PDB file of N, CA and C in Angstrom:
ATOM      1  N   MET A   1     114.158 -84.003 127.398  1.00  0.00           N
ATOM      2  CA  MET A   1     115.035 -83.982 128.141  1.00  0.00           C
ATOM      3  C   MET A   1     116.372 -84.927 127.635  1.00  0.00           C
ATOM      4  N   ASN A   2     117.615 -84.299 128.043  1.00  0.00           N
ATOM      5  CA  ASN A   2     118.435 -84.775 127.686  1.00  0.00           C
ATOM      6  C   ASN A   2     119.178 -86.196 128.105  1.00  0.00           C
ATOM      7  N   GLU A   3     120.351 -86.622 127.599  1.00  0.00           N
ATOM      8  CA  GLU A   3     121.053 -88.095 128.041  1.00  0.00           C
ATOM      9  C   GLU A   3     121.216 -88.176 129.276  1.00  0.00           C
ATOM     10  N   THR A   4     121.863 -86.961 129.819  1.00  0.00           N
ATOM     11  CA  THR A   4     122.384 -86.999 130.880  1.00  0.00           C
ATOM     12  C   THR A   4     121.136 -87.120 131.872  1.00  0.00           C
ATOM     13  N   SER A   5     119.860 -86.629 131.875  1.00  0.00           N
ATOM     14  CA  SER A   5     118.805 -86.392 132.674  1.00  0.00           C
ATOM     15  C   SER A   5     118.293 -87.804 132.995  1.00  0.00           C
ATOM     16  N   ILE A   6     118.099 -88.563 131.583  1.00  0.00           N
ATOM     17  CA  ILE A   6     117.504 -89.844 131.611  1.00  0.00           C
ATOM     18  C   ILE A   6     118.470 -90.655 132.302  1.00  0.00           C
ATOM     19  N   ALA A   7     119.691 -90.840 132.444  1.00  0.00           N
ATOM     20  CA  ALA A   7     120.432 -91.737 132.945  1.00  0.00           C
ATOM     21  C   ALA A   7     120.571 -91.407 134.529  1.00  0.00           C
ATOM     22  N   LEU A   8     120.446 -89.918 135.003  1.00  0.00           N
ATOM     23  CA  LEU A   8     120.293 -89.704 136.527  1.00  0.00           C
ATOM     24  C   LEU A   8     119.131 -90.513 136.855  1.00  0.00           C
ATOM     25  N   ILE A   9     118.176 -90.161 136.145  1.00  0.00           N
ATOM     26  CA  ILE A   9     116.805 -90.867 136.468  1.00  0.00           C
ATOM     27  C   ILE A   9     116.786 -92.340 136.822  1.00  0.00           C
ATOM     28  N   ALA A  10     117.297 -92.872 135.719  1.00  0.00           N
ATOM     29  CA  ALA A  10     117.425 -94.060 135.719  1.00  0.00           C
ATOM     30  C   ALA A  10     118.700 -94.782 136.683  1.00  0.00           C
ATOM     31  N   ALA A  11     119.411 -94.031 137.062  1.00  0.00           N
ATOM     32  CA  ALA A  11     120.363 -94.417 138.413  1.00  0.00           C
ATOM     33  C   ALA A  11     119.373 -94.459 139.516  1.00  0.00           C
ATOM     34  N   GLY A  12     118.480 -93.328 139.700  1.00  0.00           N
ATOM     35  CA  GLY A  12     117.884 -93.271 140.852  1.00  0.00           C
ATOM     36  C   GLY A  12     116.502 -94.514 140.926  1.00  0.00           C
ATOM     37  N   VAL A  13     116.163 -95.206 139.995  1.00  0.00           N
ATOM     38  CA  VAL A  13     115.433 -96.111 139.977  1.00  0.00           C
ATOM     39  C   VAL A  13     116.239 -97.441 140.472  1.00  0.00           C
ATOM     40  N   ALA A  14     117.453 -97.664 139.951  1.00  0.00           N
ATOM     41  CA  ALA A  14     118.289 -98.826 139.885  1.00  0.00           C
ATOM     42  C   ALA A  14     118.749 -98.652 141.667  1.00  0.00           C
ATOM     43  N   VAL A  15     118.698 -97.480 142.015  1.00  0.00           N
ATOM     44  CA  VAL A  15     119.039 -97.648 143.732  1.00  0.00           C
ATOM     45  C   VAL A  15     117.667 -98.356 144.481  1.00  0.00           C
ATOM     46  N   LEU A  16     116.499 -97.858 143.738  1.00  0.00           N
ATOM     47  CA  LEU A  16     115.372 -98.576 144.623  1.00  0.00           C
ATOM     48  C   LEU A  16     115.447 -99.959 144.748  1.00  0.00           C
ATOM     49  N   SER A  17     116.220-100.750 144.301  1.00  0.00           N
ATOM     50  CA  SER A  17     116.421-101.976 144.629  1.00  0.00           C
ATOM     51  C   SER A  17     116.829-102.484 145.977  1.00  0.00           C
ATOM     52  N   GLY A  18     117.605-101.553 146.435  1.00  0.00           N
ATOM     53  CA  GLY A  18     117.750-101.657 148.020  1.00  0.00           C
ATOM     54  C   GLY A  18     116.569-101.579 148.753  1.00  0.00           C
ATOM     55  N   VAL A  19     115.648-101.002 148.634  1.00  0.00           N
ATOM     56  CA  VAL A  19     114.332-101.030 149.404  1.00  0.00           C
ATOM     57  C   VAL A  19     113.765-102.445 149.421  1.00  0.00           C
ATOM     58  N   GLY A  20     113.616-103.048 148.015  1.00  0.00           N
ATOM     59  CA  GLY A  20     113.321-104.543 148.113  1.00  0.00           C
ATOM     60  C   GLY A  20     114.261-105.200 148.621  1.00  0.00           C
ATOM     61  N   ALA A  21     115.381-105.147 148.664  1.00  0.00           N
ATOM     62  CA  ALA A  21     116.093-106.052 149.493  1.00  0.00           C
ATOM     63  C   ALA A  21     116.006-105.808 150.983  1.00  0.00           C
ATOM     64  N   GLY A  22     115.828-104.870 151.322  1.00  0.00           N
ATOM     65  CA  GLY A  22     115.795-104.173 152.902  1.00  0.00           C
ATOM     66  C   GLY A  22     114.650-105.032 153.081  1.00  0.00           C
ATOM     67  N   LEU A  23     113.269-104.602 152.475  1.00  0.00           N
ATOM     68  CA  LEU A  23     112.418-105.431 153.341  1.00  0.00           C
ATOM     69  C   LEU A  23     112.378-106.651 153.130  1.00  0.00           C
ATOM     70  N   GLY A  24     112.595-107.829 152.110  1.00  0.00           N
ATOM     71  CA  GLY A  24     113.177-109.132 152.063  1.00  0.00           C
ATOM     72  C   GLY A  24     113.644-109.249 153.356  1.00  0.00           C
ATOM     73  N   ILE A  25     114.946-108.677 153.555  1.00  0.00           N
ATOM     74  CA  ILE A  25     115.508-109.224 154.728  1.00  0.00           C
ATOM     75  C   ILE A  25     114.997-108.762 156.138  1.00  0.00           C
ATOM     76  N   GLY A  26     114.280-107.804 156.078  1.00  0.00           N
ATOM     77  CA  GLY A  26     113.543-107.783 157.240  1.00  0.00           C
ATOM     78  C   GLY A  26     112.442-108.569 157.497  1.00  0.00           C
ATOM     79  N   ILE A  27     111.850-108.995 156.695  1.00  0.00           N
ATOM     80  CA  ILE A  27     110.997-110.098 156.777  1.00  0.00           C
ATOM     81  C   ILE A  27     111.508-111.385 157.101  1.00  0.00           C
ATOM     82  N   ALA A  28     112.744-111.783 156.476  1.00  0.00           N
ATOM     83  CA  ALA A  28     113.163-112.950 156.516  1.00  0.00           C
ATOM     84  C   ALA A  28     113.682-113.157 157.732  1.00  0.00           C
ATOM     85  N   THR A  29     114.237-111.947 158.535  1.00  0.00           N
ATOM     86  CA  THR A  29     115.128-112.161 160.092  1.00  0.00           C
ATOM     87  C   THR A  29     113.953-112.200 160.873  1.00  0.00           C
ATOM     88  N   GLY A  30     112.421-111.383 160.857  1.00  0.00           N
ATOM     89  CA  GLY A  30     111.594-111.648 161.536  1.00  0.00           C
ATOM     90  C   GLY A  30     110.890-113.181 161.621  1.00  0.00           C
ATOM     91  N   LYS A  31     110.861-113.810 160.506  1.00  0.00           N
ATOM     92  CA  LYS A  31     110.271-114.818 160.308  1.00  0.00           C
ATOM     93  C   LYS A  31     111.466-116.153 161.022  1.00  0.00           C
ATOM     94  N   THR A  32     112.893-115.829 160.840  1.00  0.00           N
ATOM     95  CA  THR A  32     113.617-116.790 161.250  1.00  0.00           C
ATOM     96  C   THR A  32     114.072-116.548 162.839  1.00  0.00           C
ATOM     97  N   ALA A  33     113.558-115.543 163.278  1.00  0.00           N
ATOM     98  CA  ALA A  33     113.314-115.566 164.841  1.00  0.00           C
ATOM     99  C   ALA A  33     112.430-116.193 165.489  1.00  0.00           C
ATOM    100  N   GLU A  34     111.137-115.997 164.594  1.00  0.00           N
ATOM    101  CA  GLU A  34     109.927-116.809 165.108  1.00  0.00           C
ATOM    102  C   GLU A  34     110.243-118.366 164.961  1.00  0.00           C
ATOM    103  N   SER A  35     110.946-118.596 163.981  1.00  0.00           N
ATOM    104  CA  SER A  35     110.960-120.010 163.630  1.00  0.00           C
ATOM    105  C   SER A  35     112.127-120.685 164.704  1.00  0.00           C
ATOM    106  N   ILE A  36     113.066-120.118 165.214  1.00  0.00           N
ATOM    107  CA  ILE A  36     114.045-120.422 166.250  1.00  0.00           C
ATOM    108  C   ILE A  36     113.242-120.338 167.500  1.00  0.00           C
ATOM    109  N   ALA A  37     112.643-119.499 168.083  1.00  0.00           N
ATOM    110  CA  ALA A  37     111.399-119.223 169.262  1.00  0.00           C
ATOM    111  C   ALA A  37     110.729-120.607 169.103  1.00  0.00           C
ATOM    112  N   ARG A  38     110.220-121.094 168.340  1.00  0.00           N
ATOM    113  CA  ARG A  38     109.286-122.468 168.005  1.00  0.00           C
ATOM    114  C   ARG A  38     110.073-123.483 168.286  1.00  0.00           C
ATOM    115  N   GLN A  39     111.154-123.730 167.722  1.00  0.00           N
ATOM    116  CA  GLN A  39     111.961-125.027 167.359  1.00  0.00           C
ATOM    117  C   GLN A  39     113.610-124.543 167.966  1.00  0.00           C
ATOM    118  N   PRO A  40     113.725-124.259 169.156  1.00  0.00           N
ATOM    119  CA  PRO A  40     115.417-123.914 169.521  1.00  0.00           C
ATOM    120  C   PRO A  40     116.479-124.845 168.748  1.00  0.00           C
ATOM    121  N   GLU A  41     115.796-126.346 168.949  1.00  0.00           N
ATOM    122  CA  GLU A  41     116.806-127.360 168.330  1.00  0.00           C
ATOM    123  C   GLU A  41     116.930-127.478 167.107  1.00  0.00           C
ATOM    124  N   ALA A  42     116.431-126.559 165.980  1.00  0.00           N
ATOM    125  CA  ALA A  42     116.641-126.499 164.773  1.00  0.00           C
ATOM    126  C   ALA A  42     117.196-125.326 164.339  1.00  0.00           C
ATOM    127  N   SER A  43     117.789-124.617 165.095  1.00  0.00           N
ATOM    128  CA  SER A  43     118.578-123.235 164.878  1.00  0.00           C
ATOM    129  C   SER A  43     119.644-123.128 163.831  1.00  0.00           C
ATOM    130  N   GLY A  44     120.512-124.619 164.179  1.00  0.00           N
ATOM    131  CA  GLY A  44     121.607-124.334 163.418  1.00  0.00           C
ATOM    132  C   GLY A  44     120.919-124.532 161.611  1.00  0.00           C
ATOM    133  N   LYS A  45     120.059-125.244 161.447  1.00  0.00           N
ATOM    134  CA  LYS A  45     119.303-125.446 160.201  1.00  0.00           C
ATOM    135  C   LYS A  45     118.856-124.124 159.572  1.00  0.00           C
ATOM    136  N   ILE A  46     117.878-123.750 160.528  1.00  0.00           N
ATOM    137  CA  ILE A  46     117.340-122.446 160.167  1.00  0.00           C
ATOM    138  C   ILE A  46     118.376-121.252 159.922  1.00  0.00           C
ATOM    139  N   GLN A  47     119.239-121.121 160.561  1.00  0.00           N
ATOM    140  CA  GLN A  47     120.356-120.202 160.317  1.00  0.00           C
ATOM    141  C   GLN A  47     121.107-120.428 159.077  1.00  0.00           C
ATOM    142  N   GLY A  48     121.502-121.364 158.880  1.00  0.00           N
ATOM    143  CA  GLY A  48     121.978-121.811 157.410  1.00  0.00           C
ATOM    144  C   GLY A  48     121.020-121.190 156.226  1.00  0.00           C
ATOM    145  N   ILE A  49     119.880-121.382 156.431  1.00  0.00           N
ATOM    146  CA  ILE A  49     119.085-121.071 155.295  1.00  0.00           C
ATOM    147  C   ILE A  49     118.798-119.745 155.278  1.00  0.00           C
ATOM    148  N   PHE A  50     118.579-119.420 156.652  1.00  0.00           N
ATOM    149  CA  PHE A  50     118.528-117.641 156.550  1.00  0.00           C
ATOM    150  C   PHE A  50     119.618-116.930 155.806  1.00  0.00           C
ATOM    151  N   PHE A  51     120.934-117.308 156.262  1.00  0.00           N
ATOM    152  CA  PHE A  51     122.032-116.588 155.506  1.00  0.00           C
ATOM    153  C   PHE A  51     122.055-116.610 153.900  1.00  0.00           C
ATOM    154  N   ILE A  52     121.769-117.845 153.400  1.00  0.00           N
ATOM    155  CA  ILE A  52     121.575-118.185 152.157  1.00  0.00           C
ATOM    156  C   ILE A  52     120.590-116.975 151.418  1.00  0.00           C
ATOM    157  N   GLY A  53     119.470-117.029 152.289  1.00  0.00           N
ATOM    158  CA  GLY A  53     118.207-116.220 151.894  1.00  0.00           C
ATOM    159  C   GLY A  53     118.742-114.816 151.573  1.00  0.00           C
ATOM    160  N   VAL A  54     119.481-114.535 152.559  1.00  0.00           N
ATOM    161  CA  VAL A  54     119.842-112.975 152.855  1.00  0.00           C
ATOM    162  C   VAL A  54     121.120-112.641 152.035  1.00  0.00           C
ATOM    163  N   ALA A  55     122.161-113.528 151.537  1.00  0.00           N
ATOM    164  CA  ALA A  55     122.940-113.177 150.430  1.00  0.00           C
ATOM    165  C   ALA A  55     122.165-112.992 149.007  1.00  0.00           C
ATOM    166  N   LEU A  56     121.380-113.821 148.896  1.00  0.00           N
ATOM    167  CA  LEU A  56     120.543-113.691 147.532  1.00  0.00           C
ATOM    168  C   LEU A  56     119.864-112.511 147.612  1.00  0.00           C
ATOM    169  N   ALA A  57     119.342-111.964 148.746  1.00  0.00           N
ATOM    170  CA  ALA A  57     118.226-110.851 148.804  1.00  0.00           C
ATOM    171  C   ALA A  57     119.317-109.504 148.631  1.00  0.00           C
ATOM    172  N   GLU A  58     120.401-109.750 149.164  1.00  0.00           N
ATOM    173  CA  GLU A  58     121.394-108.572 149.437  1.00  0.00           C
ATOM    174  C   GLU A  58     121.895-108.717 147.734  1.00  0.00           C
ATOM    175  N   SER A  59     122.646-109.510 147.091  1.00  0.00           N
ATOM    176  CA  SER A  59     122.701-109.386 145.732  1.00  0.00           C
ATOM    177  C   SER A  59     121.848-108.520 145.044  1.00  0.00           C
ATOM    178  N   THR A  60     120.683-108.685 144.732  1.00  0.00           N
ATOM    179  CA  THR A  60     119.723-107.678 143.966  1.00  0.00           C
ATOM    180  C   THR A  60     120.425-106.191 144.329  1.00  0.00           C
ATOM    181  N   ALA A  61     120.199-105.725 145.826  1.00  0.00           N
ATOM    182  CA  ALA A  61     120.927-104.492 146.062  1.00  0.00           C
ATOM    183  C   ALA A  61     122.106-104.033 145.439  1.00  0.00           C
ATOM    184  N   ILE A  62     123.294-105.000 145.487  1.00  0.00           N
ATOM    185  CA  ILE A  62     124.389-104.663 145.099  1.00  0.00           C
ATOM    186  C   ILE A  62     124.172-104.743 143.519  1.00  0.00           C
ATOM    187  N   TYR A  63     123.605-105.528 142.981  1.00  0.00           N
ATOM    188  CA  TYR A  63     123.366-105.378 141.451  1.00  0.00           C
ATOM    189  C   TYR A  63     122.643-103.932 141.295  1.00  0.00           C
ATOM    190  N   GLY A  64     121.806-103.517 141.770  1.00  0.00           N
ATOM    191  CA  GLY A  64     121.085-102.317 141.449  1.00  0.00           C
ATOM    192  C   GLY A  64     122.141-101.182 141.816  1.00  0.00           C
ATOM    193  N   LEU A  65     122.895-101.231 142.876  1.00  0.00           N
ATOM    194  CA  LEU A  65     124.313-100.166 142.918  1.00  0.00           C
ATOM    195  C   LEU A  65     124.932-100.342 141.863  1.00  0.00           C
ATOM    196  N   VAL A  66     125.374-101.310 141.717  1.00  0.00           N
ATOM    197  CA  VAL A  66     126.290-101.202 140.622  1.00  0.00           C
ATOM    198  C   VAL A  66     125.971-100.673 139.447  1.00  0.00           C
ATOM    199  N   VAL A  67     124.621-101.015 139.014  1.00  0.00           N
ATOM    200  CA  VAL A  67     123.896-100.407 137.558  1.00  0.00           C
ATOM    201  C   VAL A  67     123.909 -98.650 137.678  1.00  0.00           C
ATOM    202  N   SER A  68     123.697 -98.277 139.198  1.00  0.00           N
ATOM    203  CA  SER A  68     123.513 -97.045 139.063  1.00  0.00           C
ATOM    204  C   SER A  68     124.811 -96.511 138.926  1.00  0.00           C
ATOM    205  N   LEU A  69     125.697 -97.127 139.545  1.00  0.00           N
ATOM    206  CA  LEU A  69     127.180 -96.358 139.354  1.00  0.00           C
ATOM    207  C   LEU A  69     127.611 -96.219 138.028  1.00  0.00           C
ATOM    208  N   ILE A  70     127.229 -97.494 137.159  1.00  0.00           N
ATOM    209  CA  ILE A  70     127.842 -97.351 135.693  1.00  0.00           C
ATOM    210  C   ILE A  70     127.087 -96.158 134.950  1.00  0.00           C
ATOM    211  N   LEU A  71     125.694 -95.958 135.562  1.00  0.00           N
ATOM    212  CA  LEU A  71     125.063 -95.123 134.829  1.00  0.00           C
ATOM    213  C   LEU A  71     125.570 -93.620 135.201  1.00  0.00           C
ATOM    214  N   LEU A  72     125.952 -93.517 136.536  1.00  0.00           N
ATOM    215  CA  LEU A  72     126.225 -92.056 136.860  1.00  0.00           C
ATOM    216  C   LEU A  72     127.870 -91.815 136.145  1.00  0.00           C
ATOM    217  N   PHE A  73     128.724 -92.706 136.468  1.00  0.00           N
ATOM    218  CA  PHE A  73     130.048 -92.561 135.519  1.00  0.00           C
ATOM    219  C   PHE A  73     130.382 -93.168 134.626  1.00  0.00           C
ATOM    220  N   ARG A  74     129.627 -93.166 133.483  1.00  0.00           N
ATOM    221  CA  ARG A  74     129.686 -93.501 132.418  1.00  0.00           C
ATOM    222  C   ARG A  74     130.326 -92.569 131.656  1.00  0.00           C
TER     223      ARG A  74
END
């Protein structure tokens, strides 16, 4: 295997971080909807915490994308 092949495989693996982020955001969305259904009066607090969690989960996907782009276009 040459260096280009290894870089392409590594870029593909780096993109897989988006799968983890998607699963995490999906689970968090389901639990948020469930929590708001149980306690509608706490929806403001729940949504605030949810958005912080989604931002943190999405940042891992963005880091994976950046790493894969660096590996592809270096």
